[in-house]
Amino acid sequence: MLTMEKIIAEFDKSSNDIKFLEFNKKITESIEIPQEMKFILEHFSYITVNGYLKILGNDSENGFSYCNELFSKCYNSNRCLIAYDILGGLFAINIEKLNSIEYFAPDTLEWEDLEIDYKEFLYWVTTNQLDTFYQELIAPDLLTLDLSLEKNEVVLTYPFIWSMEYTPSGAVRKIVPFKELLEMNADFYRQLSI
């Protein structure tokens, strides 16, 4: 059985560049969330992986509560945002699907069921499967941009990453606040889903 101690040990052993900021403030006990998520929220402000993925913790300014407040204004309330990537990809727990993790792909503007739960997600980010997952999306030069996931900065590309005109080598990139890209992608998602 995968325990939080084993997951933390996997963080330490992983070849992925995993960084976290410890946070000791307890969150409210009334939130009904997976036990592993409570652990993350009680102990970490956030966790970044390989410079392109941010797992939300209890950071008072840019963490779980703040990002979910923004998220709930943009998307269906049956999901709870748990992580995002620098291109606007979103990882969320679908409450109606027994806490299954879904990914909002910025290149298709569609939700994809990853068929894993939160504990499996935490383990997954420590493996090479993460790089395989992002192989087509994260161009090497993207990681050289001076952005800060810790400050909720992400990358807006033009042409948009979901458009037919987009090519990684030909895209213009701009660092923007997470809120801006979240709202923009949600707007395009609604328009294209009609």
N, C-alpha and C. Protein backbone atom coordinates (compact mmCIF):
# COMPACT_ATOMS: atom_id res chain seq x y z
N MET A 1 0.84 -1.19 0.00
CA MET A 1 0.00 0.00 0.00
C MET A 1 0.88 1.25 0.00
N LEU A 2 0.50 2.20 -0.81
CA LEU A 2 1.25 3.45 -0.94
C LEU A 2 0.84 4.41 0.18
N THR A 3 1.77 4.73 1.08
CA THR A 3 1.49 5.66 2.17
C THR A 3 2.15 6.99 1.87
N MET A 4 1.78 8.01 2.63
CA MET A 4 2.38 9.33 2.41
C MET A 4 3.88 9.29 2.69
N GLU A 5 4.30 8.50 3.66
CA GLU A 5 5.74 8.38 3.94
C GLU A 5 6.46 7.83 2.72
N LYS A 6 5.86 6.85 2.05
CA LYS A 6 6.46 6.27 0.85
C LYS A 6 6.48 7.28 -0.29
N ILE A 7 5.43 8.07 -0.40
CA ILE A 7 5.38 9.08 -1.46
C ILE A 7 6.46 10.13 -1.23
N ILE A 8 6.62 10.59 0.02
CA ILE A 8 7.68 11.55 0.33
C ILE A 8 9.04 10.93 0.03
N ALA A 9 9.22 9.66 0.35
CA ALA A 9 10.48 8.97 0.03
C ALA A 9 10.69 8.93 -1.48
N GLU A 10 9.60 8.73 -2.24
CA GLU A 10 9.69 8.73 -3.71
C GLU A 10 10.08 10.12 -4.22
N PHE A 11 9.55 11.17 -3.59
CA PHE A 11 9.96 12.54 -3.95
C PHE A 11 11.48 12.67 -3.81
N ASP A 12 12.01 12.18 -2.69
CA ASP A 12 13.45 12.28 -2.43
C ASP A 12 14.28 11.48 -3.42
N LYS A 13 13.79 10.30 -3.83
CA LYS A 13 14.53 9.41 -4.73
C LYS A 13 14.39 9.78 -6.19
N SER A 14 13.35 10.50 -6.53
CA SER A 14 13.01 10.76 -7.93
C SER A 14 14.12 11.49 -8.68
N SER A 15 14.27 11.14 -9.95
CA SER A 15 15.21 11.87 -10.80
C SER A 15 14.60 13.19 -11.29
N ASN A 16 13.29 13.35 -11.10
CA ASN A 16 12.64 14.62 -11.45
C ASN A 16 13.05 15.69 -10.45
N ASP A 17 13.08 16.92 -10.88
CA ASP A 17 13.46 18.05 -10.04
C ASP A 17 12.25 18.50 -9.23
N ILE A 18 12.10 17.95 -8.03
CA ILE A 18 10.94 18.21 -7.19
C ILE A 18 11.34 19.14 -6.06
N LYS A 19 10.62 20.26 -5.94
CA LYS A 19 10.89 21.24 -4.88
C LYS A 19 9.59 21.51 -4.14
N PHE A 20 9.69 21.70 -2.84
CA PHE A 20 8.49 22.04 -2.10
C PHE A 20 8.82 23.00 -0.98
N LEU A 21 7.81 23.75 -0.61
CA LEU A 21 7.93 24.68 0.50
C LEU A 21 7.07 24.13 1.62
N GLU A 22 7.70 23.81 2.74
CA GLU A 22 6.95 23.25 3.87
C GLU A 22 6.06 24.30 4.50
N PHE A 23 4.92 23.87 4.97
CA PHE A 23 3.95 24.76 5.59
C PHE A 23 3.32 24.02 6.74
N ASN A 24 3.29 24.57 7.91
CA ASN A 24 2.83 23.85 9.09
C ASN A 24 1.42 24.22 9.55
N LYS A 25 0.81 25.22 8.95
CA LYS A 25 -0.52 25.64 9.36
C LYS A 25 -1.55 24.57 8.98
N LYS A 26 -2.40 24.19 9.93
CA LYS A 26 -3.44 23.19 9.67
C LYS A 26 -4.62 23.84 8.95
N ILE A 27 -5.17 23.11 7.99
CA ILE A 27 -6.38 23.60 7.33
C ILE A 27 -7.59 23.08 8.09
N THR A 28 -8.73 23.58 7.75
CA THR A 28 -9.94 23.17 8.45
C THR A 28 -10.19 21.67 8.27
N GLU A 29 -10.67 21.05 9.32
CA GLU A 29 -10.93 19.61 9.28
C GLU A 29 -12.24 19.30 8.57
N SER A 30 -13.03 20.31 8.27
CA SER A 30 -14.35 20.07 7.68
C SER A 30 -14.29 19.80 6.18
N ILE A 31 -13.16 20.06 5.54
CA ILE A 31 -13.05 19.82 4.10
C ILE A 31 -12.99 18.33 3.83
N GLU A 32 -13.90 17.83 3.02
CA GLU A 32 -13.92 16.40 2.71
C GLU A 32 -13.09 16.15 1.45
N ILE A 33 -11.83 15.84 1.67
CA ILE A 33 -10.90 15.61 0.58
C ILE A 33 -10.08 14.37 0.90
N PRO A 34 -9.43 13.79 -0.11
CA PRO A 34 -8.63 12.59 0.16
C PRO A 34 -7.59 12.85 1.25
N GLN A 35 -7.31 11.81 2.04
CA GLN A 35 -6.36 11.91 3.15
C GLN A 35 -5.00 12.41 2.68
N GLU A 36 -4.55 11.96 1.53
CA GLU A 36 -3.24 12.37 1.01
C GLU A 36 -3.23 13.86 0.66
N MET A 37 -4.36 14.37 0.18
CA MET A 37 -4.44 15.79 -0.13
C MET A 37 -4.41 16.60 1.16
N LYS A 38 -5.09 16.13 2.20
CA LYS A 38 -5.03 16.82 3.48
C LYS A 38 -3.59 16.90 3.96
N PHE A 39 -2.85 15.82 3.79
CA PHE A 39 -1.44 15.81 4.20
C PHE A 39 -0.67 16.89 3.45
N ILE A 40 -0.83 16.96 2.13
CA ILE A 40 -0.13 17.97 1.33
C ILE A 40 -0.53 19.37 1.79
N LEU A 41 -1.82 19.59 1.98
CA LEU A 41 -2.31 20.92 2.37
C LEU A 41 -1.86 21.31 3.77
N GLU A 42 -1.66 20.34 4.64
CA GLU A 42 -1.24 20.64 6.00
C GLU A 42 0.27 20.84 6.12
N HIS A 43 1.04 20.32 5.16
CA HIS A 43 2.49 20.35 5.30
C HIS A 43 3.24 21.18 4.27
N PHE A 44 2.61 21.50 3.15
CA PHE A 44 3.33 22.20 2.08
C PHE A 44 2.52 23.39 1.55
N SER A 45 3.23 24.45 1.25
CA SER A 45 2.59 25.58 0.58
C SER A 45 2.36 25.24 -0.89
N TYR A 46 3.30 24.54 -1.49
CA TYR A 46 3.19 24.06 -2.87
C TYR A 46 4.34 23.10 -3.13
N ILE A 47 4.23 22.38 -4.24
CA ILE A 47 5.31 21.51 -4.71
C ILE A 47 5.46 21.80 -6.20
N THR A 48 6.67 22.07 -6.66
CA THR A 48 6.90 22.21 -8.10
C THR A 48 7.71 21.02 -8.58
N VAL A 49 7.42 20.59 -9.80
CA VAL A 49 8.08 19.43 -10.39
C VAL A 49 8.65 19.82 -11.75
N ASN A 50 9.95 19.66 -11.91
CA ASN A 50 10.67 19.89 -13.17
C ASN A 50 10.50 21.30 -13.73
N GLY A 51 10.07 22.22 -12.92
CA GLY A 51 9.94 23.60 -13.37
C GLY A 51 8.71 23.87 -14.22
N TYR A 52 7.86 22.86 -14.44
CA TYR A 52 6.68 23.09 -15.28
C TYR A 52 5.37 22.63 -14.67
N LEU A 53 5.39 22.02 -13.50
CA LEU A 53 4.17 21.55 -12.86
C LEU A 53 4.14 22.05 -11.42
N LYS A 54 2.99 22.58 -11.01
CA LYS A 54 2.82 23.05 -9.63
C LYS A 54 1.66 22.29 -9.00
N ILE A 55 1.97 21.58 -7.91
CA ILE A 55 0.94 20.91 -7.11
C ILE A 55 0.55 21.89 -6.01
N LEU A 56 -0.73 22.15 -5.92
CA LEU A 56 -1.21 23.17 -4.99
C LEU A 56 -1.16 22.69 -3.54
N GLY A 57 -0.70 23.58 -2.69
CA GLY A 57 -0.68 23.35 -1.25
C GLY A 57 -1.40 24.48 -0.57
N ASN A 58 -1.04 24.74 0.67
CA ASN A 58 -1.76 25.72 1.47
C ASN A 58 -1.05 27.07 1.51
N ASP A 59 -0.51 27.49 0.39
CA ASP A 59 0.09 28.83 0.29
C ASP A 59 -1.03 29.85 0.41
N SER A 60 -0.90 30.76 1.33
CA SER A 60 -1.99 31.70 1.60
C SER A 60 -2.27 32.64 0.43
N GLU A 61 -1.27 32.94 -0.41
CA GLU A 61 -1.48 33.87 -1.51
C GLU A 61 -1.76 33.20 -2.85
N ASN A 62 -1.10 32.09 -3.14
CA ASN A 62 -1.19 31.49 -4.47
C ASN A 62 -1.48 29.99 -4.43
N GLY A 63 -2.11 29.53 -3.37
CA GLY A 63 -2.29 28.11 -3.19
C GLY A 63 -3.66 27.57 -3.54
N PHE A 64 -3.99 26.48 -2.88
CA PHE A 64 -5.20 25.71 -3.13
C PHE A 64 -6.46 26.56 -3.08
N SER A 65 -6.65 27.29 -2.01
CA SER A 65 -7.89 28.07 -1.85
C SER A 65 -8.01 29.15 -2.92
N TYR A 66 -6.95 29.91 -3.12
CA TYR A 66 -6.96 30.99 -4.11
C TYR A 66 -7.22 30.43 -5.52
N CYS A 67 -6.46 29.41 -5.90
CA CYS A 67 -6.60 28.86 -7.25
C CYS A 67 -7.96 28.21 -7.47
N ASN A 68 -8.51 27.57 -6.43
CA ASN A 68 -9.83 26.96 -6.58
C ASN A 68 -10.94 28.00 -6.62
N GLU A 69 -10.74 29.12 -5.97
CA GLU A 69 -11.71 30.21 -6.08
C GLU A 69 -11.77 30.70 -7.53
N LEU A 70 -10.60 30.89 -8.14
CA LEU A 70 -10.56 31.28 -9.56
C LEU A 70 -11.15 30.19 -10.45
N PHE A 71 -10.74 28.96 -10.19
CA PHE A 71 -11.15 27.80 -10.99
C PHE A 71 -12.67 27.63 -10.98
N SER A 72 -13.27 27.76 -9.79
CA SER A 72 -14.72 27.53 -9.68
C SER A 72 -15.54 28.57 -10.45
N LYS A 73 -14.96 29.72 -10.70
CA LYS A 73 -15.65 30.74 -11.50
C LYS A 73 -15.58 30.43 -12.99
N CYS A 74 -14.66 29.56 -13.37
CA CYS A 74 -14.43 29.27 -14.79
C CYS A 74 -14.96 27.92 -15.26
N TYR A 75 -14.97 26.94 -14.37
CA TYR A 75 -15.32 25.58 -14.76
C TYR A 75 -16.37 24.99 -13.84
N ASN A 76 -16.86 23.82 -14.22
CA ASN A 76 -17.87 23.09 -13.48
C ASN A 76 -17.44 22.87 -12.03
N SER A 77 -18.36 23.07 -11.12
CA SER A 77 -18.04 22.96 -9.70
C SER A 77 -17.88 21.53 -9.20
N ASN A 78 -18.04 20.53 -10.07
CA ASN A 78 -17.84 19.15 -9.63
C ASN A 78 -16.37 18.75 -9.68
N ARG A 79 -15.49 19.73 -9.95
CA ARG A 79 -14.05 19.46 -9.99
C ARG A 79 -13.35 20.35 -8.96
N CYS A 80 -12.25 19.81 -8.45
CA CYS A 80 -11.41 20.53 -7.49
C CYS A 80 -9.99 20.57 -8.05
N LEU A 81 -9.48 21.75 -8.32
CA LEU A 81 -8.15 21.92 -8.91
C LEU A 81 -7.08 21.50 -7.92
N ILE A 82 -6.14 20.65 -8.37
CA ILE A 82 -5.06 20.19 -7.49
C ILE A 82 -3.68 20.57 -8.00
N ALA A 83 -3.57 20.86 -9.31
CA ALA A 83 -2.26 21.19 -9.89
C ALA A 83 -2.47 21.83 -11.25
N TYR A 84 -1.44 22.53 -11.72
CA TYR A 84 -1.48 23.07 -13.07
C TYR A 84 -0.06 23.13 -13.62
N ASP A 85 0.02 23.24 -14.96
CA ASP A 85 1.34 23.34 -15.59
C ASP A 85 1.53 24.71 -16.22
N ILE A 86 2.74 24.97 -16.70
CA ILE A 86 3.07 26.31 -17.18
C ILE A 86 2.37 26.69 -18.48
N LEU A 87 1.74 25.73 -19.15
CA LEU A 87 1.02 26.03 -20.39
C LEU A 87 -0.48 26.16 -20.18
N GLY A 88 -0.92 26.06 -18.94
CA GLY A 88 -2.35 26.19 -18.65
C GLY A 88 -3.07 24.87 -18.54
N GLY A 89 -2.33 23.77 -18.56
CA GLY A 89 -2.94 22.46 -18.32
C GLY A 89 -3.36 22.36 -16.86
N LEU A 90 -4.51 21.76 -16.61
CA LEU A 90 -5.08 21.70 -15.27
C LEU A 90 -5.29 20.26 -14.84
N PHE A 91 -4.91 19.95 -13.63
CA PHE A 91 -5.21 18.65 -13.03
C PHE A 91 -6.27 18.90 -11.96
N ALA A 92 -7.38 18.17 -12.05
CA ALA A 92 -8.47 18.38 -11.11
C ALA A 92 -9.08 17.05 -10.71
N ILE A 93 -9.56 17.00 -9.48
CA ILE A 93 -10.29 15.83 -9.00
C ILE A 93 -11.74 16.01 -9.42
N ASN A 94 -12.29 14.98 -10.07
CA ASN A 94 -13.71 15.00 -10.41
C ASN A 94 -14.45 14.30 -9.28
N ILE A 95 -15.17 15.07 -8.49
CA ILE A 95 -15.87 14.56 -7.32
C ILE A 95 -16.94 13.54 -7.72
N GLU A 96 -17.60 13.76 -8.84
CA GLU A 96 -18.67 12.87 -9.28
C GLU A 96 -18.15 11.53 -9.80
N LYS A 97 -16.88 11.46 -10.14
CA LYS A 97 -16.29 10.22 -10.65
C LYS A 97 -15.40 9.57 -9.59
N LEU A 98 -15.85 9.58 -8.35
CA LEU A 98 -15.14 8.95 -7.25
C LEU A 98 -13.71 9.42 -7.13
N ASN A 99 -13.54 10.73 -7.21
CA ASN A 99 -12.24 11.38 -7.01
C ASN A 99 -11.19 11.03 -8.06
N SER A 100 -11.63 10.71 -9.26
CA SER A 100 -10.70 10.44 -10.36
C SER A 100 -10.07 11.75 -10.82
N ILE A 101 -8.78 11.70 -11.16
CA ILE A 101 -8.07 12.88 -11.64
C ILE A 101 -8.32 13.06 -13.13
N GLU A 102 -8.65 14.29 -13.51
CA GLU A 102 -8.83 14.65 -14.92
C GLU A 102 -7.81 15.72 -15.27
N TYR A 103 -7.44 15.77 -16.55
CA TYR A 103 -6.48 16.76 -17.03
C TYR A 103 -7.15 17.59 -18.11
N PHE A 104 -7.11 18.91 -17.94
CA PHE A 104 -7.58 19.82 -18.98
C PHE A 104 -6.38 20.11 -19.87
N ALA A 105 -6.40 19.57 -21.08
CA ALA A 105 -5.26 19.69 -21.99
C ALA A 105 -5.31 21.03 -22.72
N PRO A 106 -4.27 21.85 -22.58
CA PRO A 106 -4.28 23.16 -23.24
C PRO A 106 -4.16 23.07 -24.76
N ASP A 107 -3.72 21.93 -25.28
CA ASP A 107 -3.58 21.79 -26.73
C ASP A 107 -4.86 21.32 -27.40
N THR A 108 -5.83 20.82 -26.62
CA THR A 108 -7.10 20.38 -27.20
C THR A 108 -8.31 21.08 -26.57
N LEU A 109 -8.08 21.75 -25.44
CA LEU A 109 -9.16 22.38 -24.67
C LEU A 109 -10.23 21.37 -24.29
N GLU A 110 -9.80 20.17 -23.92
CA GLU A 110 -10.72 19.10 -23.51
C GLU A 110 -10.25 18.50 -22.20
N TRP A 111 -11.23 17.99 -21.42
CA TRP A 111 -10.92 17.27 -20.19
C TRP A 111 -10.67 15.80 -20.52
N GLU A 112 -9.60 15.24 -19.97
CA GLU A 112 -9.25 13.84 -20.19
C GLU A 112 -9.19 13.14 -18.83
N ASP A 113 -9.86 12.00 -18.71
CA ASP A 113 -9.82 11.23 -17.47
C ASP A 113 -8.51 10.44 -17.43
N LEU A 114 -7.69 10.69 -16.42
CA LEU A 114 -6.41 9.99 -16.30
C LEU A 114 -6.56 8.64 -15.62
N GLU A 115 -7.73 8.38 -15.06
CA GLU A 115 -8.04 7.11 -14.41
C GLU A 115 -7.06 6.78 -13.29
N ILE A 116 -6.71 7.82 -12.52
CA ILE A 116 -5.90 7.65 -11.33
C ILE A 116 -6.50 8.50 -10.22
N ASP A 117 -6.19 8.15 -8.97
CA ASP A 117 -6.66 8.98 -7.86
C ASP A 117 -5.52 9.89 -7.39
N TYR A 118 -5.76 10.64 -6.34
CA TYR A 118 -4.77 11.63 -5.88
C TYR A 118 -3.46 10.98 -5.44
N LYS A 119 -3.56 9.89 -4.70
CA LYS A 119 -2.36 9.21 -4.23
C LYS A 119 -1.54 8.72 -5.42
N GLU A 120 -2.20 8.14 -6.41
CA GLU A 120 -1.50 7.67 -7.62
C GLU A 120 -0.92 8.84 -8.41
N PHE A 121 -1.61 9.97 -8.40
CA PHE A 121 -1.10 11.18 -9.06
C PHE A 121 0.22 11.61 -8.42
N LEU A 122 0.27 11.65 -7.08
CA LEU A 122 1.50 12.05 -6.38
C LEU A 122 2.65 11.12 -6.73
N TYR A 123 2.37 9.83 -6.82
CA TYR A 123 3.42 8.88 -7.20
C TYR A 123 3.83 9.11 -8.66
N TRP A 124 2.85 9.32 -9.53
CA TRP A 124 3.09 9.50 -10.97
C TRP A 124 4.05 10.64 -11.25
N VAL A 125 3.95 11.74 -10.49
CA VAL A 125 4.84 12.89 -10.75
C VAL A 125 6.29 12.60 -10.40
N THR A 126 6.55 11.50 -9.69
CA THR A 126 7.93 11.14 -9.34
C THR A 126 8.56 10.22 -10.38
N THR A 127 7.78 9.81 -11.37
CA THR A 127 8.27 8.82 -12.34
C THR A 127 8.61 9.46 -13.68
N ASN A 128 9.21 8.66 -14.56
CA ASN A 128 9.52 9.10 -15.92
C ASN A 128 8.25 9.26 -16.77
N GLN A 129 7.14 8.72 -16.28
CA GLN A 129 5.88 8.86 -17.01
C GLN A 129 5.48 10.33 -17.15
N LEU A 130 5.90 11.15 -16.21
CA LEU A 130 5.59 12.58 -16.27
C LEU A 130 6.23 13.21 -17.50
N ASP A 131 7.51 12.96 -17.72
CA ASP A 131 8.19 13.50 -18.91
C ASP A 131 7.58 12.97 -20.19
N THR A 132 7.19 11.70 -20.19
CA THR A 132 6.54 11.12 -21.37
C THR A 132 5.22 11.82 -21.64
N PHE A 133 4.46 12.09 -20.60
CA PHE A 133 3.17 12.78 -20.71
C PHE A 133 3.35 14.15 -21.35
N TYR A 134 4.41 14.85 -20.98
CA TYR A 134 4.65 16.22 -21.45
C TYR A 134 5.56 16.30 -22.67
N GLN A 135 5.98 15.18 -23.20
CA GLN A 135 6.94 15.15 -24.30
C GLN A 135 6.56 16.05 -25.47
N GLU A 136 5.31 16.06 -25.86
CA GLU A 136 4.86 16.85 -27.01
C GLU A 136 4.57 18.31 -26.65
N LEU A 137 4.34 18.59 -25.38
CA LEU A 137 3.92 19.94 -24.97
C LEU A 137 5.07 20.84 -24.53
N ILE A 138 5.99 20.30 -23.77
CA ILE A 138 7.04 21.13 -23.17
C ILE A 138 8.29 21.13 -24.05
N ALA A 139 8.48 22.20 -24.80
CA ALA A 139 9.69 22.36 -25.61
C ALA A 139 10.83 22.76 -24.68
N PRO A 140 12.05 22.26 -24.93
CA PRO A 140 13.18 22.56 -24.03
C PRO A 140 13.40 24.05 -23.77
N ASP A 141 13.22 24.88 -24.78
CA ASP A 141 13.45 26.32 -24.57
C ASP A 141 12.39 26.96 -23.68
N LEU A 142 11.27 26.28 -23.51
CA LEU A 142 10.21 26.79 -22.64
C LEU A 142 10.71 26.89 -21.19
N LEU A 143 11.57 25.96 -20.80
CA LEU A 143 12.06 25.93 -19.43
C LEU A 143 13.14 26.97 -19.16
N THR A 144 13.58 27.66 -20.21
CA THR A 144 14.59 28.71 -20.02
C THR A 144 13.96 30.07 -19.75
N LEU A 145 12.64 30.16 -19.86
CA LEU A 145 11.95 31.42 -19.58
C LEU A 145 12.07 31.76 -18.10
N ASP A 146 12.13 33.01 -17.79
CA ASP A 146 12.27 33.47 -16.42
C ASP A 146 10.89 33.64 -15.78
N LEU A 147 10.25 32.50 -15.50
CA LEU A 147 8.93 32.57 -14.88
C LEU A 147 8.99 31.92 -13.52
N SER A 148 8.00 32.19 -12.71
CA SER A 148 7.95 31.68 -11.35
C SER A 148 6.61 31.00 -11.09
N LEU A 149 6.63 29.67 -11.06
CA LEU A 149 5.42 28.94 -10.69
C LEU A 149 5.00 29.30 -9.27
N GLU A 150 5.98 29.59 -8.44
CA GLU A 150 5.69 29.95 -7.06
C GLU A 150 4.80 31.19 -6.99
N LYS A 151 4.93 32.07 -7.96
CA LYS A 151 4.13 33.29 -8.01
C LYS A 151 2.95 33.15 -8.98
N ASN A 152 2.62 31.93 -9.35
CA ASN A 152 1.50 31.64 -10.25
C ASN A 152 1.69 32.27 -11.63
N GLU A 153 2.91 32.20 -12.15
CA GLU A 153 3.16 32.67 -13.51
C GLU A 153 3.14 31.48 -14.47
N VAL A 154 2.56 31.69 -15.64
CA VAL A 154 2.47 30.66 -16.67
C VAL A 154 2.81 31.28 -18.01
N VAL A 155 2.75 30.47 -19.06
CA VAL A 155 3.16 30.93 -20.39
C VAL A 155 1.97 30.94 -21.34
N LEU A 156 1.72 32.10 -21.92
CA LEU A 156 0.73 32.26 -22.97
C LEU A 156 1.47 32.18 -24.30
N THR A 157 0.99 31.35 -25.21
CA THR A 157 1.64 31.23 -26.52
C THR A 157 0.72 31.79 -27.60
N TYR A 158 1.34 32.34 -28.61
CA TYR A 158 0.58 32.78 -29.77
C TYR A 158 1.35 32.38 -31.02
N PRO A 159 0.75 31.70 -31.96
CA PRO A 159 -0.65 31.26 -31.93
C PRO A 159 -0.92 30.39 -30.69
N PHE A 160 -2.19 30.37 -30.29
CA PHE A 160 -2.57 29.59 -29.11
C PHE A 160 -2.18 28.14 -29.31
N ILE A 161 -1.82 27.49 -28.22
CA ILE A 161 -1.31 26.13 -28.27
C ILE A 161 -2.35 25.14 -28.84
N TRP A 162 -3.62 25.48 -28.76
CA TRP A 162 -4.66 24.59 -29.26
C TRP A 162 -5.00 24.85 -30.73
N SER A 163 -4.43 25.89 -31.32
CA SER A 163 -4.78 26.23 -32.71
C SER A 163 -3.98 25.40 -33.71
N MET A 164 -4.50 25.28 -34.90
CA MET A 164 -3.83 24.52 -35.96
C MET A 164 -2.54 25.22 -36.40
N GLU A 165 -2.44 26.52 -36.20
CA GLU A 165 -1.26 27.28 -36.62
C GLU A 165 -0.09 27.14 -35.65
N TYR A 166 -0.34 26.60 -34.47
CA TYR A 166 0.70 26.52 -33.44
C TYR A 166 1.81 25.53 -33.81
N THR A 167 3.03 25.98 -33.66
CA THR A 167 4.21 25.10 -33.69
C THR A 167 5.12 25.57 -32.55
N PRO A 168 5.70 24.63 -31.80
CA PRO A 168 6.54 25.04 -30.67
C PRO A 168 7.67 26.00 -31.07
N SER A 169 8.27 25.77 -32.24
CA SER A 169 9.40 26.61 -32.64
C SER A 169 8.96 27.98 -33.16
N GLY A 170 7.72 28.09 -33.64
CA GLY A 170 7.27 29.35 -34.22
C GLY A 170 6.41 30.19 -33.31
N ALA A 171 6.17 29.73 -32.10
CA ALA A 171 5.26 30.44 -31.20
C ALA A 171 5.95 31.59 -30.47
N VAL A 172 5.20 32.65 -30.30
CA VAL A 172 5.63 33.76 -29.46
C VAL A 172 5.14 33.45 -28.06
N ARG A 173 6.00 33.62 -27.08
CA ARG A 173 5.64 33.28 -25.70
C ARG A 173 5.68 34.52 -24.82
N LYS A 174 4.71 34.56 -23.91
CA LYS A 174 4.63 35.69 -22.97
C LYS A 174 4.30 35.14 -21.59
N ILE A 175 4.99 35.61 -20.58
CA ILE A 175 4.70 35.20 -19.21
C ILE A 175 3.52 36.03 -18.70
N VAL A 176 2.49 35.33 -18.20
CA VAL A 176 1.28 35.99 -17.71
C VAL A 176 0.87 35.37 -16.38
N PRO A 177 0.01 36.04 -15.62
CA PRO A 177 -0.51 35.44 -14.38
C PRO A 177 -1.38 34.23 -14.71
N PHE A 178 -1.35 33.22 -13.84
CA PHE A 178 -2.17 32.03 -13.99
C PHE A 178 -3.63 32.40 -14.21
N LYS A 179 -4.13 33.37 -13.46
CA LYS A 179 -5.53 33.80 -13.56
C LYS A 179 -5.88 34.19 -15.00
N GLU A 180 -5.01 34.92 -15.66
CA GLU A 180 -5.27 35.37 -17.03
C GLU A 180 -5.40 34.20 -18.00
N LEU A 181 -4.48 33.25 -17.94
CA LEU A 181 -4.53 32.11 -18.85
C LEU A 181 -5.69 31.18 -18.50
N LEU A 182 -5.97 31.00 -17.21
CA LEU A 182 -7.10 30.18 -16.78
C LEU A 182 -8.41 30.73 -17.35
N GLU A 183 -8.63 32.03 -17.19
CA GLU A 183 -9.87 32.64 -17.67
C GLU A 183 -9.95 32.62 -19.19
N MET A 184 -8.83 32.85 -19.87
CA MET A 184 -8.81 32.83 -21.33
C MET A 184 -9.13 31.44 -21.87
N ASN A 185 -8.47 30.42 -21.32
CA ASN A 185 -8.73 29.05 -21.78
C ASN A 185 -10.16 28.62 -21.47
N ALA A 186 -10.68 29.02 -20.31
CA ALA A 186 -12.06 28.68 -19.96
C ALA A 186 -13.04 29.33 -20.93
N ASP A 187 -12.76 30.56 -21.33
CA ASP A 187 -13.61 31.26 -22.28
C ASP A 187 -13.59 30.55 -23.64
N PHE A 188 -12.40 30.20 -24.12
CA PHE A 188 -12.29 29.46 -25.39
C PHE A 188 -12.97 28.09 -25.27
N TYR A 189 -12.82 27.43 -24.13
CA TYR A 189 -13.45 26.13 -23.89
C TYR A 189 -14.96 26.24 -24.02
N ARG A 190 -15.55 27.26 -23.39
CA ARG A 190 -17.00 27.45 -23.47
C ARG A 190 -17.44 27.76 -24.91
N GLN A 191 -16.70 28.62 -25.59
CA GLN A 191 -17.06 29.00 -26.96
C GLN A 191 -16.97 27.80 -27.92
N LEU A 192 -15.94 27.00 -27.77
CA LEU A 192 -15.73 25.88 -28.69
C LEU A 192 -16.57 24.66 -28.34
N SER A 193 -17.13 24.63 -27.12
CA SER A 193 -17.95 23.49 -26.69
C SER A 193 -19.40 23.65 -27.08
N ILE A 194 -19.77 24.83 -27.56
CA ILE A 194 -21.18 25.11 -27.89
C ILE A 194 -21.58 24.42 -29.17
